[in-house]
Amino acid sequence: MTSRQSRFTLAVFLSLVVMLLSCFLMGQTTAPSAASKAATVNITVTYHADTHYCTQTSKPPSASAYLIDVPNNNYVSWVSAAANDPIDVEFAPGSSPFYEANSNYGLKAPKGPVQSGQANGTPGKNYYYQSLMVGANKCANVNGVGGAQQLGIVMRPPTP
């Protein structure tokens, strides 16, 4: 091999090494994507005294007032629409989409939201509340009595 060919081969080899090293180092130093950060879905529950039913609204908004969209890996915060009413949220034992073993999020003092653990459930699956109380008022439509729409959350794939 001539010295000219040797220098050319060495230059190509060194270029490849530099390129591969830069790819390797860039892969190790990149920050986690924004999609991996958990967010909170804020649910406001309104008790309607005339029907004893409850409705829910959420931020970010959901298409339904009965089943709130919750992307996997997010948290949920429930609060009463009436500022002075505590709230009590319960899922059936073993059916909660949260990582905690305890599905009862309990009464919170006035103006204090009930905060869940990180949600991790089957995308597209509905998780219904076993019990939902706003102040001393039990939401009559929680378990679909009389054909009423059940309340709960529906898991969605993680937000990109």
N, C-alpha and C. Protein backbone atom coordinates (compact mmCIF):
# COMPACT_ATOMS: atom_id res chain seq x y z
N MET A 1 0.85 -1.16 0.00
CA MET A 1 0.00 0.00 0.00
C MET A 1 0.91 1.23 0.00
N THR A 2 0.56 2.20 -0.81
CA THR A 2 1.39 3.41 -0.89
C THR A 2 1.13 4.28 0.32
N SER A 3 2.01 5.20 0.57
CA SER A 3 1.85 6.08 1.73
C SER A 3 0.63 6.97 1.56
N ARG A 4 0.30 7.32 0.34
CA ARG A 4 -0.90 8.14 0.09
C ARG A 4 -2.15 7.34 0.46
N GLN A 5 -2.20 6.07 0.07
CA GLN A 5 -3.35 5.22 0.41
C GLN A 5 -3.41 4.97 1.92
N SER A 6 -2.26 4.82 2.55
CA SER A 6 -2.21 4.60 4.00
C SER A 6 -2.75 5.81 4.74
N ARG A 7 -2.37 7.00 4.34
CA ARG A 7 -2.86 8.22 4.98
C ARG A 7 -4.37 8.37 4.78
N PHE A 8 -4.84 8.04 3.59
CA PHE A 8 -6.28 8.13 3.31
C PHE A 8 -7.04 7.14 4.18
N THR A 9 -6.55 5.91 4.29
CA THR A 9 -7.19 4.88 5.10
C THR A 9 -7.18 5.29 6.57
N LEU A 10 -6.09 5.85 7.05
CA LEU A 10 -5.99 6.31 8.43
C LEU A 10 -6.98 7.46 8.68
N ALA A 11 -7.10 8.36 7.75
CA ALA A 11 -8.03 9.49 7.90
C ALA A 11 -9.48 8.99 7.96
N VAL A 12 -9.83 8.04 7.11
CA VAL A 12 -11.18 7.47 7.13
C VAL A 12 -11.43 6.76 8.45
N PHE A 13 -10.49 5.99 8.91
CA PHE A 13 -10.62 5.26 10.16
C PHE A 13 -10.80 6.22 11.34
N LEU A 14 -9.97 7.26 11.42
CA LEU A 14 -10.09 8.22 12.51
C LEU A 14 -11.42 8.98 12.44
N SER A 15 -11.89 9.28 11.27
CA SER A 15 -13.19 9.95 11.12
C SER A 15 -14.31 9.07 11.66
N LEU A 16 -14.26 7.80 11.32
CA LEU A 16 -15.27 6.87 11.82
C LEU A 16 -15.23 6.76 13.35
N VAL A 17 -14.04 6.68 13.91
CA VAL A 17 -13.89 6.59 15.36
C VAL A 17 -14.45 7.83 16.04
N VAL A 18 -14.13 9.01 15.51
CA VAL A 18 -14.63 10.26 16.08
C VAL A 18 -16.15 10.31 15.98
N MET A 19 -16.68 9.91 14.85
CA MET A 19 -18.13 9.93 14.66
C MET A 19 -18.82 8.97 15.64
N LEU A 20 -18.32 7.77 15.78
CA LEU A 20 -18.91 6.79 16.69
C LEU A 20 -18.82 7.24 18.15
N LEU A 21 -17.69 7.80 18.53
CA LEU A 21 -17.54 8.30 19.89
C LEU A 21 -18.51 9.44 20.17
N SER A 22 -18.68 10.34 19.22
CA SER A 22 -19.61 11.46 19.44
C SER A 22 -21.04 10.95 19.56
N CYS A 23 -21.41 9.96 18.77
CA CYS A 23 -22.76 9.38 18.88
C CYS A 23 -22.94 8.73 20.25
N PHE A 24 -21.95 8.01 20.69
CA PHE A 24 -22.02 7.34 21.98
C PHE A 24 -22.12 8.36 23.11
N LEU A 25 -21.29 9.39 23.10
CA LEU A 25 -21.32 10.39 24.15
C LEU A 25 -22.60 11.20 24.14
N MET A 26 -23.13 11.52 22.98
CA MET A 26 -24.37 12.27 22.91
C MET A 26 -25.52 11.45 23.46
N GLY A 27 -25.51 10.17 23.23
CA GLY A 27 -26.56 9.30 23.76
C GLY A 27 -26.55 9.25 25.28
N GLN A 28 -25.39 9.42 25.90
CA GLN A 28 -25.29 9.36 27.36
C GLN A 28 -25.56 10.70 28.02
N THR A 29 -25.40 11.78 27.32
CA THR A 29 -25.52 13.08 27.97
C THR A 29 -26.83 13.78 27.68
N THR A 30 -27.70 13.20 26.91
CA THR A 30 -28.96 13.89 26.62
C THR A 30 -29.86 13.84 27.84
N ALA A 31 -30.60 14.92 28.04
CA ALA A 31 -31.53 15.01 29.17
C ALA A 31 -32.76 14.18 28.89
N PRO A 32 -33.47 13.74 29.93
CA PRO A 32 -34.71 13.00 29.71
C PRO A 32 -35.72 13.88 28.97
N SER A 33 -36.54 13.25 28.17
CA SER A 33 -37.53 14.00 27.39
C SER A 33 -38.63 14.52 28.31
N ALA A 34 -39.33 15.54 27.84
CA ALA A 34 -40.42 16.12 28.63
C ALA A 34 -41.53 15.11 28.88
N ALA A 35 -41.68 14.13 27.99
CA ALA A 35 -42.75 13.14 28.13
C ALA A 35 -42.57 12.28 29.38
N SER A 36 -41.34 12.18 29.88
CA SER A 36 -41.13 11.34 31.04
C SER A 36 -41.51 12.04 32.34
N LYS A 37 -41.81 13.34 32.28
CA LYS A 37 -42.19 14.07 33.48
C LYS A 37 -43.67 13.88 33.77
N ALA A 38 -43.97 13.59 35.01
CA ALA A 38 -45.36 13.38 35.42
C ALA A 38 -46.05 14.73 35.61
N ALA A 39 -47.33 14.75 35.34
CA ALA A 39 -48.15 15.94 35.55
C ALA A 39 -49.31 15.56 36.47
N THR A 40 -50.12 16.55 36.81
CA THR A 40 -51.28 16.30 37.66
C THR A 40 -52.55 16.65 36.90
N VAL A 41 -53.52 15.73 36.93
CA VAL A 41 -54.85 15.99 36.40
C VAL A 41 -55.68 16.48 37.58
N ASN A 42 -56.17 17.72 37.49
CA ASN A 42 -56.95 18.33 38.57
C ASN A 42 -58.44 18.12 38.30
N ILE A 43 -59.11 17.42 39.21
CA ILE A 43 -60.53 17.12 39.07
C ILE A 43 -61.31 17.92 40.11
N THR A 44 -62.31 18.67 39.64
CA THR A 44 -63.21 19.40 40.52
C THR A 44 -64.56 18.69 40.51
N VAL A 45 -65.03 18.32 41.70
CA VAL A 45 -66.29 17.59 41.83
C VAL A 45 -67.36 18.56 42.33
N THR A 46 -68.50 18.56 41.62
CA THR A 46 -69.63 19.41 41.99
C THR A 46 -70.79 18.53 42.43
N TYR A 47 -71.31 18.80 43.63
CA TYR A 47 -72.49 18.09 44.14
C TYR A 47 -73.73 18.91 43.80
N HIS A 48 -74.74 18.25 43.22
CA HIS A 48 -76.01 18.89 42.85
C HIS A 48 -77.07 18.44 43.83
N ALA A 49 -77.47 19.34 44.73
CA ALA A 49 -78.40 19.01 45.81
C ALA A 49 -79.76 18.57 45.29
N ASP A 50 -80.18 19.08 44.13
CA ASP A 50 -81.52 18.74 43.62
C ASP A 50 -81.62 17.29 43.19
N THR A 51 -80.53 16.72 42.67
CA THR A 51 -80.56 15.33 42.19
C THR A 51 -79.72 14.39 43.07
N HIS A 52 -78.88 14.96 43.91
CA HIS A 52 -77.91 14.22 44.73
C HIS A 52 -76.85 13.55 43.85
N TYR A 53 -76.72 14.02 42.63
CA TYR A 53 -75.70 13.52 41.70
C TYR A 53 -74.50 14.45 41.72
N CYS A 54 -73.37 13.92 41.28
CA CYS A 54 -72.16 14.71 41.16
C CYS A 54 -71.69 14.71 39.71
N THR A 55 -71.02 15.78 39.35
CA THR A 55 -70.34 15.85 38.06
C THR A 55 -68.89 16.24 38.32
N GLN A 56 -68.05 16.02 37.34
CA GLN A 56 -66.64 16.32 37.46
C GLN A 56 -66.20 17.16 36.27
N THR A 57 -65.28 18.06 36.51
CA THR A 57 -64.57 18.75 35.43
C THR A 57 -63.09 18.58 35.71
N SER A 58 -62.29 18.74 34.69
CA SER A 58 -60.86 18.52 34.90
C SER A 58 -60.01 19.49 34.11
N LYS A 59 -58.80 19.67 34.60
CA LYS A 59 -57.75 20.40 33.89
C LYS A 59 -56.58 19.46 33.85
N PRO A 60 -56.11 19.05 32.68
CA PRO A 60 -56.64 19.39 31.36
C PRO A 60 -58.05 18.83 31.16
N PRO A 61 -58.82 19.46 30.27
CA PRO A 61 -60.23 19.07 30.09
C PRO A 61 -60.39 17.64 29.54
N SER A 62 -61.48 17.01 29.95
CA SER A 62 -61.87 15.70 29.44
C SER A 62 -63.15 15.86 28.63
N ALA A 63 -63.44 14.90 27.79
CA ALA A 63 -64.65 14.95 26.97
C ALA A 63 -65.90 14.66 27.79
N SER A 64 -65.75 14.01 28.94
CA SER A 64 -66.89 13.58 29.74
C SER A 64 -66.86 14.20 31.13
N ALA A 65 -68.04 14.45 31.69
CA ALA A 65 -68.15 14.92 33.07
C ALA A 65 -68.26 13.74 34.02
N TYR A 66 -68.25 12.53 33.50
CA TYR A 66 -68.42 11.34 34.32
C TYR A 66 -67.14 10.52 34.42
N LEU A 67 -66.45 10.35 33.29
CA LEU A 67 -65.17 9.63 33.27
C LEU A 67 -64.08 10.60 32.82
N ILE A 68 -63.15 10.88 33.71
CA ILE A 68 -62.09 11.84 33.45
C ILE A 68 -60.87 11.12 32.88
N ASP A 69 -60.31 11.66 31.79
CA ASP A 69 -59.11 11.10 31.16
C ASP A 69 -57.89 11.35 32.04
N VAL A 70 -57.14 10.28 32.32
CA VAL A 70 -55.91 10.40 33.10
C VAL A 70 -54.81 9.64 32.36
N PRO A 71 -53.82 10.35 31.81
CA PRO A 71 -52.71 9.65 31.16
C PRO A 71 -51.89 8.87 32.19
N ASN A 72 -51.39 7.71 31.79
CA ASN A 72 -50.53 6.93 32.67
C ASN A 72 -49.36 7.78 33.14
N ASN A 73 -48.85 7.48 34.30
CA ASN A 73 -47.72 8.14 34.94
C ASN A 73 -48.04 9.53 35.45
N ASN A 74 -49.32 9.91 35.49
CA ASN A 74 -49.73 11.20 36.03
C ASN A 74 -50.34 11.01 37.41
N TYR A 75 -50.49 12.11 38.11
CA TYR A 75 -51.14 12.13 39.41
C TYR A 75 -52.55 12.69 39.23
N VAL A 76 -53.40 12.50 40.24
CA VAL A 76 -54.75 13.06 40.21
C VAL A 76 -54.96 13.82 41.51
N SER A 77 -55.58 14.99 41.39
CA SER A 77 -55.93 15.80 42.54
C SER A 77 -57.42 16.10 42.46
N TRP A 78 -58.17 15.71 43.52
CA TRP A 78 -59.61 15.96 43.57
C TRP A 78 -59.88 17.09 44.54
N VAL A 79 -60.82 17.98 44.19
CA VAL A 79 -61.22 19.06 45.08
C VAL A 79 -62.70 19.33 44.85
N SER A 80 -63.37 19.81 45.88
CA SER A 80 -64.78 20.14 45.77
C SER A 80 -64.95 21.50 45.12
N ALA A 81 -66.02 21.66 44.34
CA ALA A 81 -66.32 22.96 43.75
C ALA A 81 -66.72 23.96 44.83
N ALA A 82 -67.29 23.47 45.92
CA ALA A 82 -67.63 24.33 47.06
C ALA A 82 -66.38 24.42 47.94
N ALA A 83 -65.87 25.62 48.07
CA ALA A 83 -64.57 25.83 48.71
C ALA A 83 -64.47 25.27 50.13
N ASN A 84 -65.57 25.22 50.85
CA ASN A 84 -65.51 24.78 52.24
C ASN A 84 -65.83 23.31 52.46
N ASP A 85 -66.09 22.57 51.40
CA ASP A 85 -66.47 21.16 51.55
C ASP A 85 -65.26 20.24 51.41
N PRO A 86 -65.05 19.37 52.39
CA PRO A 86 -64.02 18.34 52.22
C PRO A 86 -64.51 17.31 51.19
N ILE A 87 -63.60 16.50 50.74
CA ILE A 87 -63.95 15.49 49.72
C ILE A 87 -63.37 14.15 50.13
N ASP A 88 -64.10 13.08 49.82
CA ASP A 88 -63.67 11.73 50.14
C ASP A 88 -63.81 10.88 48.86
N VAL A 89 -62.71 10.32 48.40
CA VAL A 89 -62.68 9.54 47.16
C VAL A 89 -62.23 8.13 47.48
N GLU A 90 -63.00 7.13 47.08
CA GLU A 90 -62.61 5.74 47.29
C GLU A 90 -62.82 4.95 46.01
N PHE A 91 -61.87 4.07 45.73
CA PHE A 91 -62.00 3.07 44.67
C PHE A 91 -62.23 1.73 45.37
N ALA A 92 -62.80 0.78 44.64
CA ALA A 92 -62.97 -0.57 45.20
C ALA A 92 -61.59 -1.15 45.50
N PRO A 93 -61.47 -1.91 46.60
CA PRO A 93 -60.18 -2.51 46.93
C PRO A 93 -59.61 -3.31 45.76
N GLY A 94 -58.35 -3.06 45.46
CA GLY A 94 -57.68 -3.78 44.38
C GLY A 94 -57.95 -3.25 43.00
N SER A 95 -58.85 -2.28 42.87
CA SER A 95 -59.17 -1.79 41.52
C SER A 95 -58.54 -0.44 41.21
N SER A 96 -57.82 0.12 42.15
CA SER A 96 -57.25 1.44 41.95
C SER A 96 -56.13 1.41 40.92
N PRO A 97 -56.07 2.40 40.04
CA PRO A 97 -54.99 2.46 39.05
C PRO A 97 -53.72 3.11 39.59
N PHE A 98 -53.68 3.34 40.88
CA PHE A 98 -52.52 3.98 41.46
C PHE A 98 -51.61 2.95 42.09
N TYR A 99 -50.35 3.29 42.23
CA TYR A 99 -49.39 2.33 42.73
C TYR A 99 -49.56 2.02 44.20
N GLU A 100 -50.29 2.86 44.92
CA GLU A 100 -50.46 2.63 46.35
C GLU A 100 -51.41 1.46 46.60
N ALA A 101 -51.16 0.73 47.65
CA ALA A 101 -52.05 -0.39 47.99
C ALA A 101 -53.38 0.13 48.51
N ASN A 102 -53.38 1.29 49.13
CA ASN A 102 -54.59 1.86 49.71
C ASN A 102 -55.33 2.66 48.65
N SER A 103 -56.56 2.28 48.36
CA SER A 103 -57.35 2.97 47.35
C SER A 103 -58.23 4.06 47.93
N ASN A 104 -58.20 4.25 49.23
CA ASN A 104 -59.03 5.27 49.87
C ASN A 104 -58.19 6.51 50.08
N TYR A 105 -58.60 7.62 49.49
CA TYR A 105 -57.83 8.84 49.62
C TYR A 105 -58.33 9.75 50.73
N GLY A 106 -59.45 9.41 51.35
CA GLY A 106 -59.86 10.03 52.60
C GLY A 106 -60.32 11.47 52.55
N LEU A 107 -60.87 11.90 53.68
CA LEU A 107 -61.36 13.26 53.82
C LEU A 107 -60.19 14.23 53.95
N LYS A 108 -60.33 15.33 53.29
CA LYS A 108 -59.35 16.39 53.42
C LYS A 108 -60.04 17.61 53.99
N ALA A 109 -59.30 18.39 54.72
CA ALA A 109 -59.85 19.61 55.33
C ALA A 109 -60.33 20.56 54.23
N PRO A 110 -61.18 21.50 54.59
CA PRO A 110 -61.66 22.46 53.59
C PRO A 110 -60.51 23.08 52.80
N LYS A 111 -60.74 23.25 51.54
CA LYS A 111 -59.81 23.85 50.58
C LYS A 111 -58.58 22.99 50.33
N GLY A 112 -58.53 21.80 50.87
CA GLY A 112 -57.39 20.94 50.65
C GLY A 112 -57.73 19.85 49.65
N PRO A 113 -57.00 19.76 48.54
CA PRO A 113 -57.30 18.71 47.58
C PRO A 113 -56.87 17.34 48.08
N VAL A 114 -57.50 16.32 47.55
CA VAL A 114 -57.10 14.94 47.80
C VAL A 114 -56.14 14.58 46.68
N GLN A 115 -54.93 14.22 47.03
CA GLN A 115 -53.88 13.94 46.05
C GLN A 115 -53.64 12.44 45.96
N SER A 116 -53.61 11.91 44.74
CA SER A 116 -53.36 10.48 44.55
C SER A 116 -51.87 10.23 44.39
N GLY A 117 -51.55 8.96 44.34
CA GLY A 117 -50.22 8.56 43.91
C GLY A 117 -50.18 8.59 42.39
N GLN A 118 -49.10 8.15 41.82
CA GLN A 118 -48.93 8.15 40.37
C GLN A 118 -49.80 7.07 39.74
N ALA A 119 -50.59 7.46 38.75
CA ALA A 119 -51.51 6.53 38.08
C ALA A 119 -50.76 5.59 37.15
N ASN A 120 -51.12 4.33 37.19
CA ASN A 120 -50.52 3.35 36.30
C ASN A 120 -51.55 2.26 36.05
N GLY A 121 -52.39 2.47 35.04
CA GLY A 121 -53.45 1.51 34.75
C GLY A 121 -53.48 1.13 33.29
N THR A 122 -54.37 0.24 32.95
CA THR A 122 -54.51 -0.24 31.58
C THR A 122 -55.14 0.86 30.72
N PRO A 123 -54.45 1.35 29.68
CA PRO A 123 -55.03 2.39 28.83
C PRO A 123 -56.37 1.94 28.25
N GLY A 124 -57.36 2.84 28.32
CA GLY A 124 -58.70 2.55 27.83
C GLY A 124 -59.62 1.92 28.86
N LYS A 125 -59.07 1.53 30.00
CA LYS A 125 -59.89 0.90 31.04
C LYS A 125 -60.51 1.96 31.94
N ASN A 126 -61.79 1.75 32.27
CA ASN A 126 -62.50 2.63 33.18
C ASN A 126 -62.30 2.15 34.62
N TYR A 127 -62.01 3.07 35.50
CA TYR A 127 -61.88 2.78 36.93
C TYR A 127 -62.93 3.62 37.64
N TYR A 128 -63.96 2.96 38.17
CA TYR A 128 -65.08 3.66 38.79
C TYR A 128 -64.84 3.85 40.28
N TYR A 129 -65.37 4.95 40.81
CA TYR A 129 -65.30 5.19 42.24
C TYR A 129 -66.24 4.22 42.96
N GLN A 130 -65.82 3.76 44.11
CA GLN A 130 -66.71 2.97 44.95
C GLN A 130 -67.56 3.91 45.79
N SER A 131 -66.96 5.01 46.18
CA SER A 131 -67.66 6.01 46.98
C SER A 131 -67.05 7.37 46.69
N LEU A 132 -67.91 8.38 46.66
CA LEU A 132 -67.46 9.76 46.47
C LEU A 132 -68.38 10.65 47.28
N MET A 133 -67.78 11.38 48.22
CA MET A 133 -68.56 12.30 49.06
C MET A 133 -68.00 13.70 48.95
N VAL A 134 -68.92 14.66 48.88
CA VAL A 134 -68.56 16.07 48.89
C VAL A 134 -69.20 16.65 50.15
N GLY A 135 -68.36 17.05 51.11
CA GLY A 135 -68.88 17.45 52.41
C GLY A 135 -69.53 16.24 53.06
N ALA A 136 -70.76 16.39 53.54
CA ALA A 136 -71.50 15.28 54.13
C ALA A 136 -72.40 14.60 53.11
N ASN A 137 -72.30 14.99 51.85
CA ASN A 137 -73.21 14.50 50.81
C ASN A 137 -72.56 13.40 49.97
N LYS A 138 -73.23 12.26 49.94
CA LYS A 138 -72.75 11.15 49.13
C LYS A 138 -73.31 11.31 47.71
N CYS A 139 -72.44 11.18 46.72
CA CYS A 139 -72.86 11.28 45.32
C CYS A 139 -73.67 10.04 44.97
N ALA A 140 -74.96 10.22 44.65
CA ALA A 140 -75.87 9.09 44.41
C ALA A 140 -75.58 8.37 43.10
N ASN A 141 -74.89 9.01 42.19
CA ASN A 141 -74.66 8.39 40.88
C ASN A 141 -73.30 7.69 40.78
N VAL A 142 -72.63 7.48 41.88
CA VAL A 142 -71.32 6.83 41.83
C VAL A 142 -71.40 5.42 41.27
N ASN A 143 -72.36 4.64 41.72
CA ASN A 143 -72.41 3.25 41.27
C ASN A 143 -73.54 2.97 40.30
N GLY A 144 -73.99 3.98 39.58
CA GLY A 144 -74.94 3.75 38.50
C GLY A 144 -76.34 3.39 38.93
N VAL A 145 -76.74 3.71 40.16
CA VAL A 145 -78.08 3.40 40.64
C VAL A 145 -79.12 4.10 39.77
N GLY A 146 -80.16 3.39 39.41
CA GLY A 146 -81.24 3.97 38.61
C GLY A 146 -80.82 4.34 37.20
N GLY A 147 -79.79 3.70 36.70
CA GLY A 147 -79.33 3.98 35.33
C GLY A 147 -78.46 5.21 35.20
N ALA A 148 -78.10 5.83 36.32
CA ALA A 148 -77.26 7.02 36.28
C ALA A 148 -75.87 6.67 35.76
N GLN A 149 -75.24 7.63 35.14
CA GLN A 149 -73.87 7.46 34.63
C GLN A 149 -72.91 7.34 35.81
N GLN A 150 -72.09 6.29 35.81
CA GLN A 150 -71.11 6.10 36.88
C GLN A 150 -69.98 7.11 36.76
N LEU A 151 -69.41 7.44 37.90
CA LEU A 151 -68.29 8.38 37.95
C LEU A 151 -66.98 7.63 38.13
N GLY A 152 -65.92 8.18 37.57
CA GLY A 152 -64.60 7.58 37.75
C GLY A 152 -63.59 8.23 36.83
N ILE A 153 -62.57 7.46 36.51
CA ILE A 153 -61.53 7.93 35.60
C ILE A 153 -61.31 6.87 34.54
N VAL A 154 -60.76 7.27 33.41
CA VAL A 154 -60.39 6.34 32.35
C VAL A 154 -58.91 6.59 32.04
N MET A 155 -58.16 5.52 32.08
CA MET A 155 -56.72 5.63 31.84
C MET A 155 -56.45 5.81 30.35
N ARG A 156 -55.44 6.59 30.05
CA ARG A 156 -55.01 6.86 28.67
C ARG A 156 -53.50 6.58 28.58
N PRO A 157 -53.01 6.39 27.37
CA PRO A 157 -51.56 6.21 27.22
C PRO A 157 -50.83 7.45 27.73
N PRO A 158 -49.57 7.33 28.12
CA PRO A 158 -48.82 8.50 28.57
C PRO A 158 -48.82 9.60 27.52
N THR A 159 -48.85 10.83 27.98
CA THR A 159 -48.83 11.97 27.07
C THR A 159 -47.43 12.12 26.48
N PRO A 160 -47.35 12.24 25.15
CA PRO A 160 -46.01 12.38 24.54
C PRO A 160 -45.38 13.73 24.84
